[in-house]
Amino acid sequence: MENIHKKIRNLRLENEMTLKDLAECTGLSVSFLSQVERGTSSLAITSLKKISDAFGMHITYFFNEIENHNYLLKKEERKQFRLEGSDIAYTRLAGQFPERKMEPIMVTVPPNTPYEERYSHPGEEFYFVVEGVLVFRIEGKEYLLNAGDSIHFPSEKLHEWKNPTNDEAVLISVLTPVIF
C-alpha cells in the first residue's frame, strides 16, 4: 500500500497537472493531496476512487502487483488478446513490476488489413517486422517495411498502418507509455 502515494504523484506529473488541478478534478483539498503524495496521510478508498477517476484509470491500477517483481514471462504464460472490433492480435511480452516505462508487445496483423484508424498520443513507438510486410503512414508519408526492417517515431505524430499483402505480418513493438 505504501507505493500508492508514489503512483499518484507520478500520474499527476505525467499528466502535467498541479496539485490545484488535481484538487479541482477530485473535490479534495490541495493540502490533503499534498499529504497523500508525501505519504503522510492515509487515504480512504472513496478518495482514491476520485483520484483514479480524475486520471481515467481503474482503481485497481493502484493495487495490482504493487510488490510483485515478475521479470520473466515464459512463452507458455503469454496470452493473446484483441481489442473490440479488431482482427489484430496482441501478445504482451512484458515482465511485471511497479512503474514500468515500456510496453513490449507482439502484434499479428491479418492479411489485407486496410488503414483503419489514425492515432496520435504521447510517447514513442518502435516496431520490428519479424515476418510479412507492413506499411506505416506517419504524418501522411508512407514507409514500406519488410521482414527485418524497423521503424521508431514519436507517437504524437499522426500515424496508422496497413498490411497490403495476402500474408499475415508479425511485429515486435515497444511503446511508451505503458498501456496494457
N, C-alpha and C. Protein backbone atom coordinates (compact mmCIF):
# COMPACT_ATOMS: atom_id res chain seq x y z
N MET A 1 0.81 -1.21 0.00
CA MET A 1 0.00 0.00 0.00
C MET A 1 0.85 1.27 0.00
N GLU A 2 2.08 1.18 0.52
CA GLU A 2 2.86 2.40 0.64
C GLU A 2 3.28 3.00 -0.69
N ASN A 3 3.19 2.26 -1.78
CA ASN A 3 3.57 2.79 -3.09
C ASN A 3 2.46 3.58 -3.77
N ILE A 4 1.27 3.57 -3.20
CA ILE A 4 0.15 4.28 -3.82
C ILE A 4 0.46 5.76 -3.93
N HIS A 5 1.04 6.36 -2.90
CA HIS A 5 1.33 7.79 -2.95
C HIS A 5 2.31 8.12 -4.09
N LYS A 6 3.26 7.22 -4.35
CA LYS A 6 4.20 7.44 -5.45
C LYS A 6 3.50 7.35 -6.79
N LYS A 7 2.59 6.40 -6.91
CA LYS A 7 1.84 6.25 -8.17
C LYS A 7 0.98 7.48 -8.45
N ILE A 8 0.35 8.02 -7.40
CA ILE A 8 -0.49 9.21 -7.57
C ILE A 8 0.37 10.38 -8.03
N ARG A 9 1.50 10.59 -7.37
CA ARG A 9 2.38 11.70 -7.74
C ARG A 9 2.89 11.53 -9.17
N ASN A 10 3.33 10.31 -9.52
CA ASN A 10 3.84 10.07 -10.88
C ASN A 10 2.76 10.31 -11.93
N LEU A 11 1.54 9.85 -11.67
CA LEU A 11 0.44 10.09 -12.62
C LEU A 11 0.17 11.58 -12.78
N ARG A 12 0.17 12.28 -11.67
CA ARG A 12 -0.09 13.73 -11.73
C ARG A 12 0.98 14.43 -12.57
N LEU A 13 2.24 14.09 -12.33
CA LEU A 13 3.33 14.72 -13.08
C LEU A 13 3.31 14.32 -14.55
N GLU A 14 3.04 13.04 -14.83
CA GLU A 14 2.95 12.58 -16.22
C GLU A 14 1.84 13.29 -16.98
N ASN A 15 0.76 13.63 -16.27
CA ASN A 15 -0.36 14.34 -16.88
C ASN A 15 -0.20 15.86 -16.81
N GLU A 16 0.98 16.30 -16.38
CA GLU A 16 1.32 17.72 -16.30
C GLU A 16 0.26 18.50 -15.52
N MET A 17 -0.14 17.93 -14.38
CA MET A 17 -1.13 18.57 -13.53
C MET A 17 -0.46 19.12 -12.27
N THR A 18 -0.96 20.23 -11.78
CA THR A 18 -0.55 20.74 -10.48
C THR A 18 -1.43 20.08 -9.42
N LEU A 19 -1.05 20.25 -8.17
CA LEU A 19 -1.92 19.77 -7.10
C LEU A 19 -3.27 20.47 -7.15
N LYS A 20 -3.26 21.74 -7.52
CA LYS A 20 -4.51 22.50 -7.64
C LYS A 20 -5.39 21.91 -8.73
N ASP A 21 -4.79 21.55 -9.87
CA ASP A 21 -5.56 20.92 -10.96
C ASP A 21 -6.22 19.63 -10.48
N LEU A 22 -5.45 18.80 -9.78
CA LEU A 22 -5.98 17.54 -9.28
C LEU A 22 -7.07 17.78 -8.24
N ALA A 23 -6.87 18.79 -7.40
CA ALA A 23 -7.88 19.13 -6.39
C ALA A 23 -9.20 19.52 -7.05
N GLU A 24 -9.11 20.30 -8.12
CA GLU A 24 -10.32 20.72 -8.83
C GLU A 24 -11.04 19.53 -9.47
N CYS A 25 -10.28 18.56 -9.97
CA CYS A 25 -10.88 17.38 -10.61
C CYS A 25 -11.51 16.43 -9.60
N THR A 26 -10.97 16.40 -8.39
CA THR A 26 -11.41 15.40 -7.41
C THR A 26 -12.31 15.95 -6.31
N GLY A 27 -12.27 17.26 -6.09
CA GLY A 27 -13.00 17.83 -4.97
C GLY A 27 -12.27 17.67 -3.65
N LEU A 28 -11.04 17.16 -3.70
CA LEU A 28 -10.21 17.02 -2.49
C LEU A 28 -9.33 18.26 -2.36
N SER A 29 -8.92 18.59 -1.15
CA SER A 29 -8.14 19.81 -0.94
C SER A 29 -6.69 19.63 -1.39
N VAL A 30 -6.06 20.74 -1.76
CA VAL A 30 -4.66 20.73 -2.18
C VAL A 30 -3.78 20.23 -1.03
N SER A 31 -4.05 20.70 0.18
CA SER A 31 -3.21 20.28 1.32
C SER A 31 -3.34 18.78 1.58
N PHE A 32 -4.56 18.23 1.46
CA PHE A 32 -4.75 16.80 1.65
C PHE A 32 -4.00 16.01 0.58
N LEU A 33 -4.13 16.42 -0.68
CA LEU A 33 -3.45 15.73 -1.78
C LEU A 33 -1.94 15.79 -1.61
N SER A 34 -1.43 16.91 -1.14
CA SER A 34 0.00 17.05 -0.88
C SER A 34 0.45 16.05 0.18
N GLN A 35 -0.33 15.92 1.24
CA GLN A 35 -0.01 14.96 2.30
C GLN A 35 -0.06 13.52 1.77
N VAL A 36 -1.03 13.24 0.92
CA VAL A 36 -1.16 11.90 0.34
C VAL A 36 0.07 11.58 -0.51
N GLU A 37 0.47 12.53 -1.36
CA GLU A 37 1.63 12.30 -2.22
C GLU A 37 2.92 12.14 -1.44
N ARG A 38 3.03 12.76 -0.30
CA ARG A 38 4.22 12.61 0.54
C ARG A 38 4.15 11.35 1.40
N GLY A 39 2.97 10.72 1.43
CA GLY A 39 2.81 9.51 2.22
C GLY A 39 2.59 9.78 3.69
N THR A 40 2.19 11.01 4.03
CA THR A 40 2.00 11.36 5.43
C THR A 40 0.54 11.33 5.86
N SER A 41 -0.36 11.02 4.91
CA SER A 41 -1.78 10.94 5.24
C SER A 41 -2.34 9.65 4.66
N SER A 42 -3.22 9.02 5.42
CA SER A 42 -3.88 7.82 4.90
C SER A 42 -4.97 8.24 3.91
N LEU A 43 -5.39 7.30 3.11
CA LEU A 43 -6.29 7.60 2.01
C LEU A 43 -7.48 6.65 2.05
N ALA A 44 -8.68 7.20 2.14
CA ALA A 44 -9.89 6.37 2.09
C ALA A 44 -10.11 5.88 0.67
N ILE A 45 -10.75 4.75 0.54
CA ILE A 45 -11.00 4.16 -0.78
C ILE A 45 -11.84 5.11 -1.64
N THR A 46 -12.75 5.86 -1.02
CA THR A 46 -13.58 6.80 -1.80
C THR A 46 -12.72 7.93 -2.38
N SER A 47 -11.72 8.39 -1.62
CA SER A 47 -10.81 9.42 -2.13
C SER A 47 -9.94 8.86 -3.24
N LEU A 48 -9.48 7.63 -3.07
CA LEU A 48 -8.67 7.01 -4.11
C LEU A 48 -9.47 6.83 -5.39
N LYS A 49 -10.75 6.51 -5.27
CA LYS A 49 -11.62 6.37 -6.44
C LYS A 49 -11.74 7.70 -7.17
N LYS A 50 -11.88 8.81 -6.43
CA LYS A 50 -11.95 10.13 -7.06
C LYS A 50 -10.65 10.43 -7.82
N ILE A 51 -9.53 10.06 -7.23
CA ILE A 51 -8.23 10.29 -7.88
C ILE A 51 -8.09 9.43 -9.13
N SER A 52 -8.46 8.16 -9.03
CA SER A 52 -8.35 7.28 -10.20
C SER A 52 -9.27 7.76 -11.32
N ASP A 53 -10.46 8.24 -10.99
CA ASP A 53 -11.38 8.78 -12.00
C ASP A 53 -10.79 10.02 -12.67
N ALA A 54 -10.11 10.86 -11.89
CA ALA A 54 -9.50 12.07 -12.44
C ALA A 54 -8.45 11.75 -13.50
N PHE A 55 -7.77 10.60 -13.34
CA PHE A 55 -6.76 10.19 -14.31
C PHE A 55 -7.30 9.25 -15.37
N GLY A 56 -8.58 8.90 -15.27
CA GLY A 56 -9.16 7.96 -16.23
C GLY A 56 -8.61 6.56 -16.05
N MET A 57 -8.22 6.22 -14.82
CA MET A 57 -7.63 4.92 -14.52
C MET A 57 -8.63 4.10 -13.72
N HIS A 58 -8.54 2.79 -13.83
CA HIS A 58 -9.32 1.92 -12.97
C HIS A 58 -8.63 1.90 -11.61
N ILE A 59 -9.39 1.88 -10.56
CA ILE A 59 -8.84 1.94 -9.20
C ILE A 59 -7.87 0.79 -8.92
N THR A 60 -8.05 -0.34 -9.60
CA THR A 60 -7.16 -1.49 -9.36
C THR A 60 -5.72 -1.20 -9.80
N TYR A 61 -5.52 -0.17 -10.62
CA TYR A 61 -4.17 0.22 -11.03
C TYR A 61 -3.28 0.43 -9.80
N PHE A 62 -3.86 0.96 -8.75
CA PHE A 62 -3.08 1.28 -7.56
C PHE A 62 -2.75 0.06 -6.72
N PHE A 63 -3.43 -1.06 -6.98
CA PHE A 63 -3.22 -2.25 -6.16
C PHE A 63 -2.54 -3.39 -6.91
N ASN A 64 -2.69 -3.44 -8.22
CA ASN A 64 -2.16 -4.56 -9.00
C ASN A 64 -0.66 -4.69 -8.87
N GLU A 65 -0.25 -5.82 -8.36
CA GLU A 65 1.15 -6.22 -8.35
C GLU A 65 2.10 -5.17 -7.79
N ILE A 66 1.65 -4.49 -6.74
CA ILE A 66 2.48 -3.44 -6.15
C ILE A 66 3.82 -3.99 -5.71
N GLU A 67 3.82 -5.14 -5.11
CA GLU A 67 5.06 -5.72 -4.61
C GLU A 67 5.57 -6.87 -5.48
N ASN A 68 4.89 -7.17 -6.57
CA ASN A 68 5.27 -8.29 -7.42
C ASN A 68 6.34 -7.83 -8.42
N HIS A 69 7.46 -8.50 -8.42
CA HIS A 69 8.53 -8.20 -9.37
C HIS A 69 8.77 -9.44 -10.20
N ASN A 70 7.89 -9.67 -11.14
CA ASN A 70 7.98 -10.84 -12.00
C ASN A 70 8.59 -10.42 -13.33
N TYR A 71 9.90 -10.51 -13.42
CA TYR A 71 10.61 -10.04 -14.59
C TYR A 71 10.48 -10.99 -15.78
N LEU A 72 10.33 -12.26 -15.53
CA LEU A 72 10.30 -13.26 -16.58
C LEU A 72 8.88 -13.56 -17.01
N LEU A 73 8.68 -13.65 -18.32
CA LEU A 73 7.40 -14.09 -18.87
C LEU A 73 7.70 -15.25 -19.81
N LYS A 74 7.33 -16.44 -19.38
CA LYS A 74 7.57 -17.65 -20.18
C LYS A 74 6.62 -17.68 -21.37
N LYS A 75 7.07 -18.29 -22.45
CA LYS A 75 6.28 -18.39 -23.67
C LYS A 75 4.89 -18.96 -23.40
N GLU A 76 4.83 -20.00 -22.56
CA GLU A 76 3.54 -20.65 -22.28
C GLU A 76 2.62 -19.79 -21.41
N GLU A 77 3.15 -18.73 -20.82
CA GLU A 77 2.34 -17.84 -19.99
C GLU A 77 1.76 -16.65 -20.77
N ARG A 78 2.25 -16.45 -21.99
CA ARG A 78 1.76 -15.32 -22.80
C ARG A 78 0.31 -15.55 -23.20
N LYS A 79 -0.44 -14.48 -23.22
CA LYS A 79 -1.84 -14.55 -23.60
C LYS A 79 -2.11 -13.55 -24.71
N GLN A 80 -2.72 -14.03 -25.78
CA GLN A 80 -3.06 -13.18 -26.91
C GLN A 80 -4.42 -12.54 -26.64
N PHE A 81 -4.59 -11.29 -27.08
CA PHE A 81 -5.88 -10.63 -26.94
C PHE A 81 -6.12 -9.73 -28.15
N ARG A 82 -7.37 -9.36 -28.33
CA ARG A 82 -7.77 -8.46 -29.41
C ARG A 82 -8.60 -7.32 -28.82
N LEU A 83 -8.46 -6.16 -29.39
CA LEU A 83 -9.30 -5.05 -28.99
C LEU A 83 -10.66 -5.22 -29.68
N GLU A 84 -11.70 -4.78 -29.02
CA GLU A 84 -13.05 -4.97 -29.55
C GLU A 84 -13.17 -4.37 -30.95
N GLY A 85 -13.71 -5.17 -31.88
CA GLY A 85 -13.92 -4.72 -33.24
C GLY A 85 -12.71 -4.81 -34.14
N SER A 86 -11.62 -5.42 -33.68
CA SER A 86 -10.40 -5.51 -34.48
C SER A 86 -9.96 -6.96 -34.63
N ASP A 87 -9.36 -7.29 -35.78
CA ASP A 87 -8.82 -8.62 -36.02
C ASP A 87 -7.34 -8.71 -35.68
N ILE A 88 -6.73 -7.59 -35.33
CA ILE A 88 -5.31 -7.56 -34.99
C ILE A 88 -5.12 -8.20 -33.61
N ALA A 89 -4.15 -9.14 -33.52
CA ALA A 89 -3.89 -9.85 -32.26
C ALA A 89 -2.67 -9.25 -31.58
N TYR A 90 -2.78 -9.07 -30.27
CA TYR A 90 -1.70 -8.52 -29.46
C TYR A 90 -1.29 -9.55 -28.41
N THR A 91 0.01 -9.64 -28.14
CA THR A 91 0.52 -10.52 -27.10
C THR A 91 1.51 -9.72 -26.26
N ARG A 92 1.17 -9.54 -24.98
CA ARG A 92 2.08 -8.82 -24.09
C ARG A 92 3.36 -9.62 -23.90
N LEU A 93 4.48 -8.93 -23.91
CA LEU A 93 5.78 -9.58 -23.72
C LEU A 93 6.49 -9.06 -22.47
N ALA A 94 5.84 -8.20 -21.71
CA ALA A 94 6.49 -7.52 -20.59
C ALA A 94 6.49 -8.34 -19.32
N GLY A 95 7.51 -8.15 -18.53
CA GLY A 95 7.51 -8.62 -17.15
C GLY A 95 6.62 -7.70 -16.34
N GLN A 96 6.42 -8.05 -15.09
CA GLN A 96 5.55 -7.25 -14.22
C GLN A 96 6.36 -6.69 -13.06
N PHE A 97 6.39 -5.38 -12.95
CA PHE A 97 7.00 -4.72 -11.81
C PHE A 97 6.47 -3.29 -11.77
N PRO A 98 6.46 -2.67 -10.60
CA PRO A 98 5.90 -1.33 -10.47
C PRO A 98 6.61 -0.31 -11.35
N GLU A 99 5.84 0.60 -11.87
CA GLU A 99 6.33 1.76 -12.60
C GLU A 99 7.13 1.43 -13.86
N ARG A 100 6.69 0.36 -14.57
CA ARG A 100 7.29 0.07 -15.87
C ARG A 100 7.13 1.28 -16.78
N LYS A 101 8.09 1.50 -17.66
CA LYS A 101 8.04 2.64 -18.58
C LYS A 101 7.78 2.22 -20.02
N MET A 102 8.03 0.95 -20.35
CA MET A 102 7.89 0.46 -21.73
C MET A 102 6.84 -0.63 -21.81
N GLU A 103 6.24 -0.76 -23.00
CA GLU A 103 5.24 -1.80 -23.23
C GLU A 103 5.66 -2.61 -24.46
N PRO A 104 6.38 -3.74 -24.26
CA PRO A 104 6.72 -4.59 -25.40
C PRO A 104 5.56 -5.52 -25.74
N ILE A 105 5.23 -5.58 -27.03
CA ILE A 105 4.08 -6.36 -27.49
C ILE A 105 4.43 -7.03 -28.81
N MET A 106 3.93 -8.26 -29.00
CA MET A 106 3.99 -8.89 -30.31
C MET A 106 2.63 -8.62 -30.96
N VAL A 107 2.66 -8.14 -32.20
CA VAL A 107 1.44 -7.78 -32.91
C VAL A 107 1.34 -8.65 -34.15
N THR A 108 0.17 -9.27 -34.35
CA THR A 108 -0.08 -10.07 -35.54
C THR A 108 -1.18 -9.39 -36.34
N VAL A 109 -0.82 -8.95 -37.54
CA VAL A 109 -1.76 -8.22 -38.40
C VAL A 109 -2.21 -9.15 -39.52
N PRO A 110 -3.53 -9.42 -39.61
CA PRO A 110 -4.03 -10.33 -40.64
C PRO A 110 -3.76 -9.81 -42.05
N PRO A 111 -3.83 -10.71 -43.05
CA PRO A 111 -3.66 -10.31 -44.45
C PRO A 111 -4.70 -9.26 -44.85
N ASN A 112 -4.30 -8.40 -45.77
CA ASN A 112 -5.20 -7.41 -46.38
C ASN A 112 -5.92 -6.53 -45.36
N THR A 113 -5.21 -6.14 -44.32
CA THR A 113 -5.78 -5.22 -43.33
C THR A 113 -5.56 -3.80 -43.82
N PRO A 114 -6.66 -3.06 -44.07
CA PRO A 114 -6.51 -1.68 -44.56
C PRO A 114 -6.18 -0.72 -43.43
N TYR A 115 -5.83 0.52 -43.79
CA TYR A 115 -5.74 1.56 -42.78
C TYR A 115 -7.11 1.61 -42.11
N GLU A 116 -7.12 1.57 -40.78
CA GLU A 116 -8.41 1.57 -40.08
C GLU A 116 -8.64 2.83 -39.28
N GLU A 117 -7.63 3.23 -38.51
CA GLU A 117 -7.81 4.38 -37.64
C GLU A 117 -6.46 5.05 -37.45
N ARG A 118 -6.46 6.39 -37.48
CA ARG A 118 -5.24 7.14 -37.24
C ARG A 118 -5.11 7.42 -35.75
N TYR A 119 -3.88 7.37 -35.25
CA TYR A 119 -3.62 7.56 -33.84
C TYR A 119 -2.64 8.71 -33.63
N SER A 120 -2.75 9.35 -32.51
CA SER A 120 -1.79 10.35 -32.06
C SER A 120 -1.93 10.40 -30.54
N HIS A 121 -0.82 10.23 -29.84
CA HIS A 121 -0.84 10.20 -28.38
C HIS A 121 0.57 10.43 -27.86
N PRO A 122 0.73 10.75 -26.59
CA PRO A 122 2.08 10.96 -26.05
C PRO A 122 2.91 9.67 -26.09
N GLY A 123 4.22 9.82 -26.20
CA GLY A 123 5.11 8.67 -26.11
C GLY A 123 5.91 8.42 -27.37
N GLU A 124 6.47 7.21 -27.45
CA GLU A 124 7.26 6.76 -28.58
C GLU A 124 6.81 5.37 -28.98
N GLU A 125 7.05 5.02 -30.24
CA GLU A 125 6.73 3.68 -30.72
C GLU A 125 7.90 3.15 -31.54
N PHE A 126 8.19 1.88 -31.33
CA PHE A 126 9.23 1.17 -32.09
C PHE A 126 8.60 -0.12 -32.58
N TYR A 127 8.80 -0.45 -33.87
CA TYR A 127 8.30 -1.69 -34.45
C TYR A 127 9.42 -2.38 -35.22
N PHE A 128 9.51 -3.69 -35.06
CA PHE A 128 10.43 -4.53 -35.81
C PHE A 128 9.58 -5.59 -36.50
N VAL A 129 9.69 -5.69 -37.82
CA VAL A 129 8.90 -6.65 -38.57
C VAL A 129 9.61 -8.00 -38.54
N VAL A 130 8.98 -8.99 -37.89
CA VAL A 130 9.53 -10.34 -37.79
C VAL A 130 9.23 -11.11 -39.07
N GLU A 131 7.99 -11.00 -39.53
CA GLU A 131 7.63 -11.64 -40.81
C GLU A 131 6.53 -10.84 -41.48
N GLY A 132 6.51 -10.92 -42.81
CA GLY A 132 5.49 -10.22 -43.57
C GLY A 132 5.90 -8.82 -43.97
N VAL A 133 4.89 -8.04 -44.36
CA VAL A 133 5.09 -6.68 -44.85
C VAL A 133 4.05 -5.78 -44.18
N LEU A 134 4.46 -4.58 -43.84
CA LEU A 134 3.54 -3.60 -43.27
C LEU A 134 3.87 -2.24 -43.84
N VAL A 135 2.84 -1.44 -44.04
CA VAL A 135 3.03 -0.06 -44.47
C VAL A 135 2.58 0.84 -43.32
N PHE A 136 3.49 1.70 -42.87
CA PHE A 136 3.16 2.70 -41.87
C PHE A 136 2.97 4.03 -42.59
N ARG A 137 1.96 4.78 -42.18
CA ARG A 137 1.81 6.15 -42.67
C ARG A 137 1.92 7.06 -41.46
N ILE A 138 2.94 7.93 -41.49
CA ILE A 138 3.21 8.84 -40.39
C ILE A 138 3.19 10.26 -40.94
N GLU A 139 2.25 11.05 -40.42
CA GLU A 139 2.09 12.43 -40.90
C GLU A 139 1.96 12.46 -42.44
N GLY A 140 1.25 11.48 -42.99
CA GLY A 140 0.97 11.46 -44.42
C GLY A 140 2.04 10.79 -45.27
N LYS A 141 3.23 10.52 -44.73
CA LYS A 141 4.29 9.87 -45.50
C LYS A 141 4.27 8.37 -45.24
N GLU A 142 4.32 7.57 -46.33
CA GLU A 142 4.28 6.11 -46.20
C GLU A 142 5.67 5.50 -46.14
N TYR A 143 5.79 4.47 -45.28
CA TYR A 143 7.03 3.72 -45.11
C TYR A 143 6.70 2.25 -45.29
N LEU A 144 7.35 1.60 -46.25
CA LEU A 144 7.16 0.17 -46.50
C LEU A 144 8.21 -0.60 -45.71
N LEU A 145 7.73 -1.50 -44.83
CA LEU A 145 8.63 -2.30 -44.00
C LEU A 145 8.48 -3.77 -44.36
N ASN A 146 9.60 -4.41 -44.64
CA ASN A 146 9.65 -5.85 -44.90
C ASN A 146 10.24 -6.53 -43.67
N ALA A 147 10.20 -7.86 -43.65
CA ALA A 147 10.79 -8.63 -42.55
C ALA A 147 12.23 -8.16 -42.33
N GLY A 148 12.57 -7.88 -41.09
CA GLY A 148 13.91 -7.41 -40.74
C GLY A 148 14.02 -5.90 -40.65
N ASP A 149 13.02 -5.17 -41.14
CA ASP A 149 13.04 -3.70 -41.07
C ASP A 149 12.44 -3.24 -39.74
N SER A 150 12.80 -2.02 -39.35
CA SER A 150 12.22 -1.44 -38.14
C SER A 150 11.91 0.02 -38.37
N ILE A 151 11.05 0.55 -37.50
CA ILE A 151 10.69 1.97 -37.55
C ILE A 151 10.51 2.44 -36.12
N HIS A 152 10.92 3.68 -35.84
CA HIS A 152 10.84 4.26 -34.49
C HIS A 152 10.43 5.71 -34.66
N PHE A 153 9.37 6.15 -33.97
CA PHE A 153 8.87 7.51 -34.16
C PHE A 153 8.15 8.01 -32.91
N PRO A 154 8.02 9.35 -32.80
CA PRO A 154 7.24 9.90 -31.69
C PRO A 154 5.75 9.65 -31.94
N SER A 155 5.06 9.16 -30.93
CA SER A 155 3.65 8.80 -31.08
C SER A 155 2.75 10.01 -31.28
N GLU A 156 3.27 11.21 -30.99
CA GLU A 156 2.48 12.43 -31.21
C GLU A 156 2.19 12.66 -32.69
N LYS A 157 3.03 12.07 -33.55
CA LYS A 157 2.82 12.18 -34.99
C LYS A 157 1.61 11.33 -35.36
N LEU A 158 0.73 11.88 -36.18
CA LEU A 158 -0.45 11.14 -36.62
C LEU A 158 0.01 9.93 -37.42
N HIS A 159 -0.41 8.72 -36.98
CA HIS A 159 0.11 7.51 -37.61
C HIS A 159 -0.98 6.44 -37.74
N GLU A 160 -0.74 5.55 -38.71
CA GLU A 160 -1.63 4.41 -38.96
C GLU A 160 -0.82 3.37 -39.72
N TRP A 161 -1.39 2.17 -39.86
CA TRP A 161 -0.69 1.11 -40.58
C TRP A 161 -1.67 0.25 -41.35
N LYS A 162 -1.11 -0.50 -42.31
CA LYS A 162 -1.91 -1.47 -43.05
C LYS A 162 -1.02 -2.62 -43.49
N ASN A 163 -1.66 -3.77 -43.72
CA ASN A 163 -0.98 -4.93 -44.28
C ASN A 163 -1.59 -5.14 -45.67
N PRO A 164 -0.89 -4.73 -46.73
CA PRO A 164 -1.46 -4.79 -48.08
C PRO A 164 -1.29 -6.14 -48.77
N THR A 165 -0.73 -7.14 -48.06
CA THR A 165 -0.42 -8.42 -48.70
C THR A 165 -1.42 -9.51 -48.33
N ASN A 166 -1.27 -10.66 -48.96
CA ASN A 166 -2.12 -11.82 -48.67
C ASN A 166 -1.57 -12.67 -47.53
N ASP A 167 -0.50 -12.22 -46.86
CA ASP A 167 0.11 -12.96 -45.75
C ASP A 167 0.00 -12.12 -44.48
N GLU A 168 -0.08 -12.81 -43.32
CA GLU A 168 -0.11 -12.06 -42.08
C GLU A 168 1.26 -11.46 -41.81
N ALA A 169 1.28 -10.38 -41.04
CA ALA A 169 2.52 -9.73 -40.63
C ALA A 169 2.65 -9.86 -39.12
N VAL A 170 3.88 -10.14 -38.67
CA VAL A 170 4.14 -10.25 -37.23
C VAL A 170 5.21 -9.22 -36.88
N LEU A 171 4.92 -8.42 -35.85
CA LEU A 171 5.81 -7.35 -35.45
C LEU A 171 6.13 -7.46 -33.97
N ILE A 172 7.28 -6.98 -33.59
CA ILE A 172 7.59 -6.75 -32.18
C ILE A 172 7.51 -5.24 -32.02
N SER A 173 6.74 -4.81 -31.04
CA SER A 173 6.52 -3.40 -30.80
C SER A 173 6.93 -3.05 -29.38
N VAL A 174 7.55 -1.90 -29.22
CA VAL A 174 7.85 -1.38 -27.88
C VAL A 174 7.29 0.03 -27.84
N LEU A 175 6.37 0.26 -26.89
CA LEU A 175 5.68 1.54 -26.79
C LEU A 175 5.97 2.18 -25.44
N THR A 176 5.89 3.50 -25.44
CA THR A 176 5.80 4.25 -24.19
C THR A 176 4.63 5.20 -24.38
N PRO A 177 3.87 5.49 -23.37
CA PRO A 177 3.91 4.90 -22.04
C PRO A 177 3.26 3.52 -22.04
N VAL A 178 3.30 2.86 -20.89
CA VAL A 178 2.68 1.55 -20.71
C VAL A 178 1.18 1.71 -20.90
N ILE A 179 0.56 0.84 -21.72
CA ILE A 179 -0.87 0.95 -21.99
C ILE A 179 -1.67 -0.26 -21.56
N PHE A 180 -1.03 -1.41 -21.39
CA PHE A 180 -1.78 -2.62 -21.01
C PHE A 180 -1.32 -3.10 -19.65
